[in-house]
Amino acid sequence: MKYFTFPITGDKIPAVGFGSGTKWQIRKRGRDEVERKLVDEEIVNAIKTALIYGFLHSDTAEFYTTREEIGLGIKESEIPREKIWLTDKYDPGWIDGGIVYVGNQNGPYDSLVNGIGLCRFIFDTFSIFW
């Protein structure tokens, strides 16, 4: 696997990651309000399998609604957390073609704290889209 190395810290981030976005969040958002809040075992298994097969960079975001599944997938993979690079993202919201998304209006810090609570792990990278 190829890595990018941060010059100051020497941390290595895997060049290829496994995302938990588009396909999975569309799947979850297509459900009713109650089902949307339930853990999706198919996502958990996909994350776990990706990690076992060497995708040691997992990506999530508040918008994806898959943070809890990412955390469970990491736990169930039994791969030590320090071997996995975990990225999360915050987006305050947007409007595109009549579709409105409103992110956490309390800001990125609140989004980060909520994400850690759902995922049950500290993130290695936290990006803010503005």
Protein backbone atom coordinates (compact mmCIF):
# COMPACT_ATOMS: atom_id res chain seq x y z
CA MET A 1 0.00 0.00 0.00
CA LYS A 2 1.20 3.51 -0.80
CA TYR A 3 1.23 6.19 1.88
CA PHE A 4 1.61 9.94 2.05
CA THR A 5 3.87 11.08 4.87
CA PHE A 6 3.25 14.27 6.81
CA PRO A 7 6.62 16.05 6.84
CA ILE A 8 6.45 17.49 10.36
CA THR A 9 4.98 14.56 12.30
CA GLY A 10 6.03 11.63 10.12
CA ASP A 11 2.48 10.25 10.28
CA LYS A 12 1.61 8.11 7.28
CA ILE A 13 -1.82 8.29 5.70
CA PRO A 14 -2.81 5.48 3.32
CA ALA A 15 -3.17 6.86 -0.21
CA VAL A 16 -6.34 4.86 -0.84
CA GLY A 17 -9.27 4.77 1.54
CA PHE A 18 -12.69 3.19 1.82
CA GLY A 19 -15.49 5.73 1.93
CA SER A 20 -18.81 5.41 3.67
CA GLY A 21 -20.53 8.15 1.72
CA THR A 22 -22.62 8.31 -1.41
CA LYS A 23 -23.93 4.75 -1.78
CA TRP A 24 -24.44 4.21 1.93
CA GLN A 25 -25.91 7.57 2.87
CA ILE A 26 -28.37 7.38 -0.04
CA ARG A 27 -29.40 3.96 1.26
CA LYS A 28 -29.93 5.27 4.81
CA ARG A 29 -31.65 8.51 3.78
CA GLY A 30 -34.12 6.53 1.69
CA ARG A 31 -35.57 4.99 4.84
CA ASP A 32 -38.20 6.34 7.17
CA GLU A 33 -37.15 8.42 10.18
CA VAL A 34 -37.05 5.48 12.63
CA GLU A 35 -35.16 3.06 10.35
CA ARG A 36 -32.66 5.76 9.40
CA LYS A 37 -31.42 5.88 13.00
CA LEU A 38 -30.84 2.12 13.22
CA VAL A 39 -27.39 0.63 12.68
CA ASP A 40 -27.09 -0.79 9.16
CA GLU A 41 -25.28 -4.12 9.50
CA GLU A 42 -24.50 -4.22 5.78
CA ILE A 43 -22.46 -1.03 6.14
CA VAL A 44 -20.74 -2.39 9.26
CA ASN A 45 -19.79 -5.56 7.36
CA ALA A 46 -18.57 -3.56 4.34
CA ILE A 47 -16.29 -1.45 6.54
CA LYS A 48 -15.03 -4.50 8.43
CA THR A 49 -14.35 -6.40 5.20
CA ALA A 50 -12.57 -3.42 3.60
CA LEU A 51 -10.30 -3.13 6.64
CA ILE A 52 -9.53 -6.85 6.69
CA TYR A 53 -8.60 -6.70 2.99
CA GLY A 54 -6.16 -3.86 3.60
CA PHE A 55 -8.09 -0.62 3.11
CA LEU A 56 -6.71 0.93 6.29
CA HIS A 57 -8.06 4.42 5.64
CA SER A 58 -11.77 4.86 6.39
CA ASP A 59 -13.67 8.01 5.55
CA THR A 60 -16.92 9.31 7.02
CA ALA A 61 -18.78 12.58 7.54
CA GLU A 62 -21.70 13.97 9.48
CA PHE A 63 -23.64 14.21 6.20
CA TYR A 64 -23.18 10.48 5.47
CA THR A 65 -24.92 9.39 8.71
CA THR A 66 -22.56 6.38 8.85
CA ARG A 67 -20.27 7.29 11.74
CA GLU A 68 -21.68 4.64 14.06
CA GLU A 69 -21.29 1.94 11.40
CA ILE A 70 -17.66 3.00 10.83
CA GLY A 71 -16.93 2.62 14.54
CA LEU A 72 -18.57 -0.79 14.74
CA GLY A 73 -16.79 -1.95 11.56
CA ILE A 74 -13.44 -0.96 13.06
CA LYS A 75 -14.24 -2.75 16.31
CA GLU A 76 -15.47 -5.92 14.59
CA SER A 77 -12.45 -6.05 12.26
CA GLU A 78 -10.23 -6.57 15.32
CA ILE A 79 -7.50 -4.57 13.58
CA PRO A 80 -5.69 -2.39 16.12
CA ARG A 81 -6.98 1.19 15.91
CA GLU A 82 -3.46 2.60 15.59
CA LYS A 83 -3.10 0.79 12.23
CA ILE A 84 -6.18 2.53 10.79
CA TRP A 85 -6.38 6.12 9.52
CA LEU A 86 -9.80 7.60 10.21
CA THR A 87 -11.08 10.74 8.48
CA ASP A 88 -14.22 12.72 9.30
CA LYS A 89 -15.68 15.83 7.70
CA TYR A 90 -17.94 18.75 8.61
CA ASP A 91 -20.10 20.67 6.15
CA PRO A 92 -22.28 23.56 7.36
CA GLY A 93 -24.80 22.94 4.59
CA TRP A 94 -25.62 23.67 0.98
CA ILE A 95 -28.36 23.95 -1.62
CA ASP A 96 -27.96 22.18 -4.96
CA GLY A 97 -30.68 21.82 -7.56
CA GLY A 98 -33.42 22.32 -5.00
CA ILE A 99 -31.90 19.82 -2.55
CA VAL A 100 -31.14 21.39 0.81
CA TYR A 101 -28.69 19.96 3.34
CA VAL A 102 -28.30 21.66 6.70
CA GLY A 103 -25.27 20.55 8.70
CA ASN A 104 -24.72 20.90 12.42
CA GLN A 105 -25.57 24.55 13.02
CA ASN A 106 -23.57 24.60 16.25
CA GLY A 107 -20.43 24.41 14.15
CA PRO A 108 -17.55 22.06 13.46
CA TYR A 109 -16.55 21.51 17.10
CA ASP A 110 -20.01 20.20 17.99
CA SER A 111 -19.99 18.05 14.85
CA LEU A 112 -16.61 16.60 15.85
CA VAL A 113 -17.74 15.81 19.40
CA ASN A 114 -20.92 14.15 18.11
CA GLY A 115 -18.89 12.17 15.58
CA ILE A 116 -16.49 10.87 18.20
CA GLY A 117 -19.47 9.86 20.34
CA LEU A 118 -21.08 7.92 17.49
CA CYS A 119 -17.91 6.42 16.07
CA ARG A 120 -16.36 5.73 19.50
CA PHE A 121 -12.89 6.59 18.17
CA ILE A 122 -10.79 9.74 17.81
CA PHE A 123 -10.35 10.87 14.19
CA ASP A 124 -6.90 11.25 12.64
CA THR A 125 -8.09 13.90 10.17
CA PHE A 126 -11.04 16.27 10.49
CA SER A 127 -11.81 18.37 7.40
CA ILE A 128 -14.07 21.41 7.35
CA PHE A 129 -15.83 22.20 4.06
CA TRP A 130 -16.84 25.80 3.69
